[in-house]
Amino acid sequence: NNDTEDEERLWRDLIMERVTKSADACLTAINIMTSPNMPKAVYIEDVIERVIQYTKFHLQNTLYPQYDPVYRVDPHGGGVLSSKAKRAKCSTHKQRVIVMLYNKVCDVVSSLSELLEIQLLTDTTILQVSSMGITPFFVENVSELQLCAIKLVTAVSNF
């Protein structure tokens, strides 16, 4: 039984290491694109779309469930609890790697708003960005992300 727990922990650590490295790659790409005097060849649409997909995926599947228990899925298929009951049972302790991912995602969202001021994006990309910017306002305990989302939604509305 101990071997199984150790194996699960190692597997979880490996996954979170890959997720963190991917967040670093997204942040690096966005930081390069938002640097001053970048040539147009740097703004690769596929890279921008993948950064947005990565960010949206981890917001919905990793961060929102960690910060707001309403977004958690009960693995046992238990009874339906109200959102107030779920929030009452919530623990506020977060793993260090989750907090680090949250901060990196906030940086990506903030940098995306800067990118919108620099580069024209396609309509489908703008739709993805706008949905990513609006969703945090329906999630509790993500105030830093909400501030970044305000900046993003403002940049979309100026688009």
N, C-alpha and C. Protein backbone atom coordinates (compact mmCIF):
# COMPACT_ATOMS: atom_id res chain seq x y z
N ASN A 1 0.83 -1.20 0.00
CA ASN A 1 0.00 0.00 0.00
C ASN A 1 0.87 1.26 0.00
N ASN A 2 1.96 1.25 0.78
CA ASN A 2 2.87 2.39 0.80
C ASN A 2 3.53 2.60 -0.55
N ASP A 3 3.87 1.50 -1.24
CA ASP A 3 4.49 1.61 -2.57
C ASP A 3 3.54 2.28 -3.55
N THR A 4 2.26 1.97 -3.45
CA THR A 4 1.27 2.56 -4.35
C THR A 4 1.15 4.07 -4.09
N GLU A 5 1.13 4.46 -2.83
CA GLU A 5 1.05 5.87 -2.48
C GLU A 5 2.29 6.63 -2.95
N ASP A 6 3.47 6.02 -2.77
CA ASP A 6 4.71 6.65 -3.22
C ASP A 6 4.72 6.79 -4.74
N GLU A 7 4.25 5.75 -5.42
CA GLU A 7 4.20 5.79 -6.88
C GLU A 7 3.24 6.87 -7.37
N GLU A 8 2.10 7.00 -6.71
CA GLU A 8 1.13 8.05 -7.07
C GLU A 8 1.71 9.44 -6.85
N ARG A 9 2.40 9.61 -5.74
CA ARG A 9 3.01 10.90 -5.43
C ARG A 9 4.07 11.26 -6.46
N LEU A 10 4.91 10.29 -6.83
CA LEU A 10 5.94 10.53 -7.84
C LEU A 10 5.32 10.86 -9.20
N TRP A 11 4.25 10.16 -9.54
CA TRP A 11 3.55 10.41 -10.80
C TRP A 11 2.95 11.82 -10.81
N ARG A 12 2.32 12.20 -9.70
CA ARG A 12 1.75 13.54 -9.57
C ARG A 12 2.83 14.62 -9.66
N ASP A 13 3.98 14.37 -9.03
CA ASP A 13 5.09 15.32 -9.09
C ASP A 13 5.62 15.48 -10.50
N LEU A 14 5.72 14.38 -11.23
CA LEU A 14 6.18 14.42 -12.61
C LEU A 14 5.21 15.22 -13.49
N ILE A 15 3.94 14.98 -13.31
CA ILE A 15 2.92 15.70 -14.09
C ILE A 15 2.98 17.19 -13.78
N MET A 16 3.06 17.55 -12.51
CA MET A 16 3.09 18.96 -12.15
C MET A 16 4.39 19.64 -12.62
N GLU A 17 5.48 18.89 -12.68
CA GLU A 17 6.72 19.46 -13.21
C GLU A 17 6.55 19.79 -14.69
N ARG A 18 5.90 18.90 -15.43
CA ARG A 18 5.65 19.15 -16.86
C ARG A 18 4.69 20.32 -17.06
N VAL A 19 3.68 20.40 -16.23
CA VAL A 19 2.72 21.50 -16.32
C VAL A 19 3.42 22.83 -16.04
N THR A 20 4.29 22.85 -15.05
CA THR A 20 5.03 24.06 -14.71
C THR A 20 5.98 24.47 -15.83
N LYS A 21 6.66 23.50 -16.43
CA LYS A 21 7.56 23.82 -17.55
C LYS A 21 6.77 24.34 -18.74
N SER A 22 5.60 23.79 -18.96
CA SER A 22 4.75 24.28 -20.05
C SER A 22 4.30 25.71 -19.79
N ALA A 23 3.97 26.01 -18.54
CA ALA A 23 3.59 27.38 -18.18
C ALA A 23 4.77 28.33 -18.40
N ASP A 24 5.97 27.88 -18.07
CA ASP A 24 7.16 28.70 -18.33
C ASP A 24 7.34 28.95 -19.82
N ALA A 25 7.10 27.93 -20.64
CA ALA A 25 7.23 28.08 -22.09
C ALA A 25 6.21 29.08 -22.63
N CYS A 26 4.97 29.00 -22.14
CA CYS A 26 3.94 29.95 -22.56
C CYS A 26 4.32 31.38 -22.16
N LEU A 27 4.77 31.52 -20.96
CA LEU A 27 5.16 32.84 -20.46
C LEU A 27 6.35 33.39 -21.24
N THR A 28 7.30 32.54 -21.57
CA THR A 28 8.46 32.97 -22.36
C THR A 28 8.02 33.44 -23.74
N ALA A 29 7.15 32.66 -24.39
CA ALA A 29 6.68 33.03 -25.73
C ALA A 29 5.95 34.37 -25.70
N ILE A 30 5.07 34.56 -24.71
CA ILE A 30 4.30 35.81 -24.62
C ILE A 30 5.22 36.98 -24.28
N ASN A 31 6.20 36.75 -23.41
CA ASN A 31 7.14 37.83 -23.06
C ASN A 31 7.96 38.26 -24.27
N ILE A 32 8.35 37.30 -25.09
CA ILE A 32 9.09 37.65 -26.31
C ILE A 32 8.20 38.48 -27.24
N MET A 33 6.95 38.04 -27.41
CA MET A 33 6.04 38.75 -28.32
C MET A 33 5.70 40.15 -27.84
N THR A 34 5.70 40.36 -26.54
CA THR A 34 5.32 41.68 -26.02
C THR A 34 6.53 42.58 -25.77
N SER A 35 7.71 42.10 -26.12
CA SER A 35 8.91 42.94 -26.00
C SER A 35 8.85 44.07 -27.03
N PRO A 36 9.49 45.18 -26.72
CA PRO A 36 9.46 46.31 -27.65
C PRO A 36 10.18 46.00 -28.97
N ASN A 37 9.67 46.60 -30.04
CA ASN A 37 10.29 46.55 -31.36
C ASN A 37 10.48 45.14 -31.92
N MET A 38 9.53 44.27 -31.68
CA MET A 38 9.60 42.91 -32.23
C MET A 38 9.14 42.91 -33.68
N PRO A 39 9.83 42.15 -34.55
CA PRO A 39 9.38 42.07 -35.95
C PRO A 39 8.08 41.27 -36.05
N LYS A 40 7.33 41.51 -37.12
CA LYS A 40 6.04 40.84 -37.32
C LYS A 40 6.17 39.32 -37.38
N ALA A 41 7.32 38.82 -37.79
CA ALA A 41 7.53 37.37 -37.91
C ALA A 41 7.46 36.66 -36.55
N VAL A 42 7.60 37.40 -35.47
CA VAL A 42 7.57 36.82 -34.12
C VAL A 42 6.14 36.43 -33.72
N TYR A 43 5.14 37.13 -34.26
CA TYR A 43 3.76 36.92 -33.86
C TYR A 43 3.15 35.75 -34.64
N ILE A 44 3.47 34.55 -34.21
CA ILE A 44 3.00 33.33 -34.86
C ILE A 44 1.64 32.97 -34.28
N GLU A 45 0.64 32.93 -35.14
CA GLU A 45 -0.74 32.72 -34.71
C GLU A 45 -0.91 31.39 -33.98
N ASP A 46 -0.26 30.34 -34.47
CA ASP A 46 -0.39 29.03 -33.84
C ASP A 46 0.15 29.04 -32.41
N VAL A 47 1.25 29.72 -32.19
CA VAL A 47 1.82 29.81 -30.84
C VAL A 47 0.86 30.56 -29.91
N ILE A 48 0.29 31.65 -30.40
CA ILE A 48 -0.65 32.43 -29.60
C ILE A 48 -1.87 31.58 -29.24
N GLU A 49 -2.40 30.85 -30.21
CA GLU A 49 -3.56 30.00 -29.96
C GLU A 49 -3.25 28.89 -28.96
N ARG A 50 -2.07 28.31 -29.04
CA ARG A 50 -1.70 27.24 -28.10
C ARG A 50 -1.50 27.79 -26.68
N VAL A 51 -0.97 28.98 -26.57
CA VAL A 51 -0.84 29.61 -25.25
C VAL A 51 -2.22 29.83 -24.64
N ILE A 52 -3.16 30.28 -25.46
CA ILE A 52 -4.52 30.52 -24.99
C ILE A 52 -5.19 29.20 -24.61
N GLN A 53 -5.01 28.16 -25.42
CA GLN A 53 -5.59 26.85 -25.11
C GLN A 53 -5.02 26.30 -23.80
N TYR A 54 -3.72 26.38 -23.64
CA TYR A 54 -3.07 25.90 -22.42
C TYR A 54 -3.63 26.63 -21.20
N THR A 55 -3.69 27.95 -21.31
CA THR A 55 -4.15 28.77 -20.19
C THR A 55 -5.59 28.45 -19.84
N LYS A 56 -6.47 28.40 -20.84
CA LYS A 56 -7.88 28.09 -20.57
C LYS A 56 -8.04 26.70 -19.95
N PHE A 57 -7.29 25.72 -20.47
CA PHE A 57 -7.39 24.36 -19.94
C PHE A 57 -7.03 24.31 -18.47
N HIS A 58 -5.92 24.93 -18.11
CA HIS A 58 -5.47 24.85 -16.72
C HIS A 58 -6.28 25.75 -15.79
N LEU A 59 -6.85 26.80 -16.33
CA LEU A 59 -7.77 27.57 -15.50
C LEU A 59 -8.98 26.71 -15.14
N GLN A 60 -9.58 26.09 -16.13
CA GLN A 60 -10.82 25.33 -15.92
C GLN A 60 -10.60 24.02 -15.18
N ASN A 61 -9.49 23.34 -15.45
CA ASN A 61 -9.31 21.99 -14.91
C ASN A 61 -8.36 21.88 -13.73
N THR A 62 -7.53 22.88 -13.52
CA THR A 62 -6.58 22.81 -12.42
C THR A 62 -6.81 23.90 -11.39
N LEU A 63 -6.86 25.15 -11.84
CA LEU A 63 -6.89 26.26 -10.88
C LEU A 63 -8.26 26.54 -10.30
N TYR A 64 -9.28 26.65 -11.14
CA TYR A 64 -10.62 26.93 -10.60
C TYR A 64 -11.05 25.87 -9.59
N PRO A 65 -10.87 24.57 -9.86
CA PRO A 65 -11.25 23.58 -8.84
C PRO A 65 -10.44 23.69 -7.55
N GLN A 66 -9.19 24.15 -7.64
CA GLN A 66 -8.38 24.30 -6.44
C GLN A 66 -8.78 25.50 -5.60
N TYR A 67 -9.19 26.58 -6.26
CA TYR A 67 -9.49 27.82 -5.55
C TYR A 67 -10.96 27.97 -5.20
N ASP A 68 -11.85 27.35 -5.97
CA ASP A 68 -13.28 27.46 -5.71
C ASP A 68 -13.88 26.06 -5.75
N PRO A 69 -14.32 25.54 -4.60
CA PRO A 69 -14.82 24.17 -4.54
C PRO A 69 -16.07 23.91 -5.39
N VAL A 70 -16.75 24.96 -5.82
CA VAL A 70 -17.93 24.78 -6.67
C VAL A 70 -17.53 24.13 -7.99
N TYR A 71 -16.29 24.34 -8.42
CA TYR A 71 -15.81 23.80 -9.70
C TYR A 71 -15.23 22.39 -9.57
N ARG A 72 -15.23 21.84 -8.38
CA ARG A 72 -14.71 20.49 -8.18
C ARG A 72 -15.74 19.45 -8.57
N VAL A 73 -15.23 18.36 -9.12
CA VAL A 73 -16.08 17.23 -9.48
C VAL A 73 -15.89 16.17 -8.42
N ASP A 74 -17.00 15.64 -7.90
CA ASP A 74 -16.92 14.60 -6.89
C ASP A 74 -16.56 13.28 -7.57
N PRO A 75 -15.38 12.71 -7.28
CA PRO A 75 -14.97 11.49 -7.95
C PRO A 75 -15.82 10.28 -7.58
N HIS A 76 -16.54 10.37 -6.45
CA HIS A 76 -17.36 9.25 -6.00
C HIS A 76 -18.80 9.36 -6.47
N GLY A 77 -19.11 10.46 -7.15
CA GLY A 77 -20.48 10.64 -7.64
C GLY A 77 -21.48 10.82 -6.51
N GLY A 78 -21.04 11.44 -5.45
CA GLY A 78 -21.88 11.63 -4.28
C GLY A 78 -23.05 12.56 -4.54
N GLY A 79 -23.81 12.81 -3.51
CA GLY A 79 -24.98 13.68 -3.62
C GLY A 79 -24.61 15.08 -4.06
N VAL A 80 -25.57 15.77 -4.61
CA VAL A 80 -25.36 17.12 -5.08
C VAL A 80 -25.43 18.07 -3.89
N LEU A 81 -24.34 18.79 -3.71
CA LEU A 81 -24.30 19.78 -2.64
C LEU A 81 -24.48 21.16 -3.24
N SER A 82 -25.07 22.05 -2.47
CA SER A 82 -25.20 23.43 -2.96
C SER A 82 -23.83 24.08 -2.97
N SER A 83 -23.71 25.17 -3.70
CA SER A 83 -22.42 25.85 -3.78
C SER A 83 -21.98 26.37 -2.42
N LYS A 84 -22.94 26.78 -1.58
CA LYS A 84 -22.59 27.26 -0.24
C LYS A 84 -22.05 26.11 0.61
N ALA A 85 -22.65 24.93 0.48
CA ALA A 85 -22.18 23.77 1.25
C ALA A 85 -20.79 23.36 0.80
N LYS A 86 -20.54 23.39 -0.51
CA LYS A 86 -19.21 23.05 -1.01
C LYS A 86 -18.17 24.03 -0.50
N ARG A 87 -18.50 25.31 -0.53
CA ARG A 87 -17.54 26.32 -0.08
C ARG A 87 -17.30 26.22 1.42
N ALA A 88 -18.30 25.82 2.18
CA ALA A 88 -18.15 25.70 3.63
C ALA A 88 -17.18 24.57 3.98
N LYS A 89 -17.15 23.52 3.15
CA LYS A 89 -16.29 22.37 3.43
C LYS A 89 -14.87 22.56 2.89
N CYS A 90 -14.63 23.64 2.20
CA CYS A 90 -13.36 23.86 1.50
C CYS A 90 -12.21 24.15 2.45
N SER A 91 -11.06 23.60 2.09
CA SER A 91 -9.83 23.93 2.82
C SER A 91 -9.11 25.03 2.04
N THR A 92 -8.48 25.95 2.74
CA THR A 92 -7.82 27.07 2.06
C THR A 92 -6.35 26.78 1.79
N HIS A 93 -5.84 25.63 2.22
CA HIS A 93 -4.44 25.28 2.00
C HIS A 93 -4.22 24.88 0.54
N LYS A 94 -3.21 25.50 -0.09
CA LYS A 94 -2.88 25.21 -1.49
C LYS A 94 -1.45 24.69 -1.56
N GLN A 95 -1.23 23.73 -2.46
CA GLN A 95 0.12 23.24 -2.68
C GLN A 95 0.95 24.36 -3.30
N ARG A 96 2.23 24.34 -3.00
CA ARG A 96 3.14 25.37 -3.50
C ARG A 96 3.16 25.41 -5.02
N VAL A 97 3.11 24.24 -5.66
CA VAL A 97 3.16 24.18 -7.11
C VAL A 97 1.88 24.76 -7.74
N ILE A 98 0.76 24.63 -7.07
CA ILE A 98 -0.51 25.19 -7.56
C ILE A 98 -0.46 26.72 -7.48
N VAL A 99 0.07 27.24 -6.40
CA VAL A 99 0.20 28.69 -6.24
C VAL A 99 1.16 29.25 -7.30
N MET A 100 2.24 28.52 -7.57
CA MET A 100 3.20 28.94 -8.58
C MET A 100 2.54 28.95 -9.97
N LEU A 101 1.77 27.92 -10.27
CA LEU A 101 1.05 27.85 -11.55
C LEU A 101 0.05 28.99 -11.65
N TYR A 102 -0.66 29.27 -10.57
CA TYR A 102 -1.63 30.36 -10.54
C TYR A 102 -0.96 31.70 -10.88
N ASN A 103 0.19 31.95 -10.27
CA ASN A 103 0.92 33.21 -10.53
C ASN A 103 1.38 33.30 -11.98
N LYS A 104 1.83 32.18 -12.53
CA LYS A 104 2.28 32.19 -13.93
C LYS A 104 1.11 32.40 -14.88
N VAL A 105 -0.02 31.79 -14.59
CA VAL A 105 -1.20 31.97 -15.43
C VAL A 105 -1.68 33.42 -15.35
N CYS A 106 -1.61 34.02 -14.17
CA CYS A 106 -1.96 35.44 -14.05
C CYS A 106 -1.04 36.30 -14.92
N ASP A 107 0.24 35.97 -14.94
CA ASP A 107 1.19 36.70 -15.78
C ASP A 107 0.86 36.53 -17.26
N VAL A 108 0.48 35.31 -17.66
CA VAL A 108 0.12 35.06 -19.06
C VAL A 108 -1.12 35.86 -19.44
N VAL A 109 -2.12 35.87 -18.58
CA VAL A 109 -3.35 36.62 -18.87
C VAL A 109 -3.05 38.11 -18.99
N SER A 110 -2.23 38.62 -18.10
CA SER A 110 -1.85 40.03 -18.16
C SER A 110 -1.07 40.33 -19.43
N SER A 111 -0.16 39.45 -19.80
CA SER A 111 0.64 39.65 -21.00
C SER A 111 -0.20 39.54 -22.27
N LEU A 112 -1.23 38.71 -22.24
CA LEU A 112 -2.12 38.61 -23.40
C LEU A 112 -2.81 39.94 -23.66
N SER A 113 -3.14 40.67 -22.60
CA SER A 113 -3.77 41.98 -22.79
C SER A 113 -2.78 42.94 -23.45
N GLU A 114 -1.50 42.84 -23.10
CA GLU A 114 -0.49 43.66 -23.75
C GLU A 114 -0.34 43.27 -25.22
N LEU A 115 -0.41 41.97 -25.50
CA LEU A 115 -0.29 41.48 -26.87
C LEU A 115 -1.43 42.00 -27.75
N LEU A 116 -2.63 42.11 -27.17
CA LEU A 116 -3.77 42.62 -27.92
C LEU A 116 -3.56 44.06 -28.35
N GLU A 117 -2.82 44.81 -27.57
CA GLU A 117 -2.54 46.21 -27.91
C GLU A 117 -1.48 46.32 -29.01
N ILE A 118 -0.69 45.26 -29.19
CA ILE A 118 0.41 45.28 -30.15
C ILE A 118 0.01 44.66 -31.49
N GLN A 119 -0.65 43.50 -31.42
CA GLN A 119 -0.87 42.68 -32.60
C GLN A 119 -2.36 42.42 -32.84
N LEU A 120 -2.78 42.51 -34.11
CA LEU A 120 -4.15 42.14 -34.47
C LEU A 120 -4.27 40.62 -34.45
N LEU A 121 -5.36 40.12 -33.88
CA LEU A 121 -5.59 38.68 -33.80
C LEU A 121 -6.86 38.33 -34.56
N THR A 122 -7.01 37.06 -34.90
CA THR A 122 -8.20 36.62 -35.63
C THR A 122 -9.42 36.66 -34.73
N ASP A 123 -10.60 36.63 -35.35
CA ASP A 123 -11.86 36.68 -34.59
C ASP A 123 -12.00 35.48 -33.65
N THR A 124 -11.62 34.29 -34.11
CA THR A 124 -11.74 33.11 -33.25
C THR A 124 -10.82 33.22 -32.04
N THR A 125 -9.64 33.77 -32.24
CA THR A 125 -8.71 33.96 -31.13
C THR A 125 -9.26 34.98 -30.15
N ILE A 126 -9.85 36.04 -30.67
CA ILE A 126 -10.45 37.07 -29.80
C ILE A 126 -11.60 36.47 -28.99
N LEU A 127 -12.39 35.60 -29.60
CA LEU A 127 -13.48 34.95 -28.86
C LEU A 127 -12.92 34.09 -27.72
N GLN A 128 -11.86 33.36 -27.98
CA GLN A 128 -11.23 32.54 -26.94
C GLN A 128 -10.69 33.41 -25.80
N VAL A 129 -10.03 34.50 -26.19
CA VAL A 129 -9.45 35.41 -25.18
C VAL A 129 -10.55 36.07 -24.36
N SER A 130 -11.64 36.47 -25.02
CA SER A 130 -12.71 37.15 -24.28
C SER A 130 -13.40 36.20 -23.31
N SER A 131 -13.60 34.95 -23.70
CA SER A 131 -14.21 34.00 -22.76
C SER A 131 -13.27 33.72 -21.59
N MET A 132 -11.96 33.68 -21.87
CA MET A 132 -10.99 33.48 -20.80
C MET A 132 -10.97 34.68 -19.86
N GLY A 133 -11.24 35.87 -20.38
CA GLY A 133 -11.22 37.08 -19.56
C GLY A 133 -12.46 37.27 -18.72
N ILE A 134 -13.58 36.70 -19.16
CA ILE A 134 -14.85 36.89 -18.44
C ILE A 134 -15.05 35.84 -17.34
N THR A 135 -14.63 34.62 -17.59
CA THR A 135 -14.88 33.51 -16.66
C THR A 135 -14.38 33.75 -15.23
N PRO A 136 -13.20 34.35 -15.01
CA PRO A 136 -12.73 34.50 -13.63
C PRO A 136 -13.67 35.29 -12.71
N PHE A 137 -14.57 36.09 -13.29
CA PHE A 137 -15.47 36.87 -12.45
C PHE A 137 -16.56 36.02 -11.81
N PHE A 138 -16.69 34.76 -12.24
CA PHE A 138 -17.67 33.85 -11.67
C PHE A 138 -17.02 32.85 -10.72
N VAL A 139 -15.73 33.02 -10.46
CA VAL A 139 -14.96 32.12 -9.60
C VAL A 139 -14.54 32.90 -8.35
N GLU A 140 -14.66 32.27 -7.21
CA GLU A 140 -14.25 32.93 -5.96
C GLU A 140 -12.79 32.61 -5.64
N ASN A 141 -12.18 33.46 -4.84
CA ASN A 141 -10.82 33.31 -4.33
C ASN A 141 -9.73 33.45 -5.39
N VAL A 142 -10.01 34.12 -6.49
CA VAL A 142 -9.01 34.35 -7.54
C VAL A 142 -8.90 35.84 -7.84
N SER A 143 -8.74 36.65 -6.82
CA SER A 143 -8.78 38.10 -6.98
C SER A 143 -7.66 38.63 -7.88
N GLU A 144 -6.44 38.06 -7.78
CA GLU A 144 -5.35 38.52 -8.64
C GLU A 144 -5.67 38.23 -10.10
N LEU A 145 -6.23 37.06 -10.36
CA LEU A 145 -6.62 36.69 -11.71
C LEU A 145 -7.74 37.60 -12.22
N GLN A 146 -8.64 37.97 -11.35
CA GLN A 146 -9.71 38.88 -11.75
C GLN A 146 -9.17 40.24 -12.15
N LEU A 147 -8.15 40.72 -11.44
CA LEU A 147 -7.52 41.99 -11.82
C LEU A 147 -6.87 41.89 -13.20
N CYS A 148 -6.19 40.78 -13.45
CA CYS A 148 -5.58 40.57 -14.78
C CYS A 148 -6.66 40.44 -15.84
N ALA A 149 -7.78 39.81 -15.48
CA ALA A 149 -8.88 39.63 -16.43
C ALA A 149 -9.53 40.97 -16.78
N ILE A 150 -9.60 41.88 -15.83
CA ILE A 150 -10.14 43.22 -16.12
C ILE A 150 -9.29 43.88 -17.19
N LYS A 151 -7.99 43.77 -17.06
CA LYS A 151 -7.08 44.34 -18.03
C LYS A 151 -7.28 43.67 -19.40
N LEU A 152 -7.49 42.36 -19.40
CA LEU A 152 -7.68 41.62 -20.65
C LEU A 152 -9.01 42.00 -21.32
N VAL A 153 -10.07 42.06 -20.54
CA VAL A 153 -11.38 42.41 -21.11
C VAL A 153 -11.37 43.84 -21.64
N THR A 154 -10.67 44.73 -20.96
CA THR A 154 -10.54 46.11 -21.44
C THR A 154 -9.80 46.14 -22.78
N ALA A 155 -8.75 45.35 -22.89
CA ALA A 155 -8.00 45.31 -24.16
C ALA A 155 -8.85 44.71 -25.28
N VAL A 156 -9.68 43.71 -24.96
CA VAL A 156 -10.58 43.13 -25.97
C VAL A 156 -11.62 44.15 -26.41
N SER A 157 -12.16 44.91 -25.46
CA SER A 157 -13.19 45.90 -25.82
C SER A 157 -12.61 47.04 -26.65
N ASN A 158 -11.31 47.32 -26.47
CA ASN A 158 -10.65 48.34 -27.28
C ASN A 158 -10.26 47.83 -28.65
N PHE A 159 -10.34 46.53 -28.82
CA PHE A 159 -9.95 45.89 -30.06
C PHE A 159 -10.94 46.26 -31.11
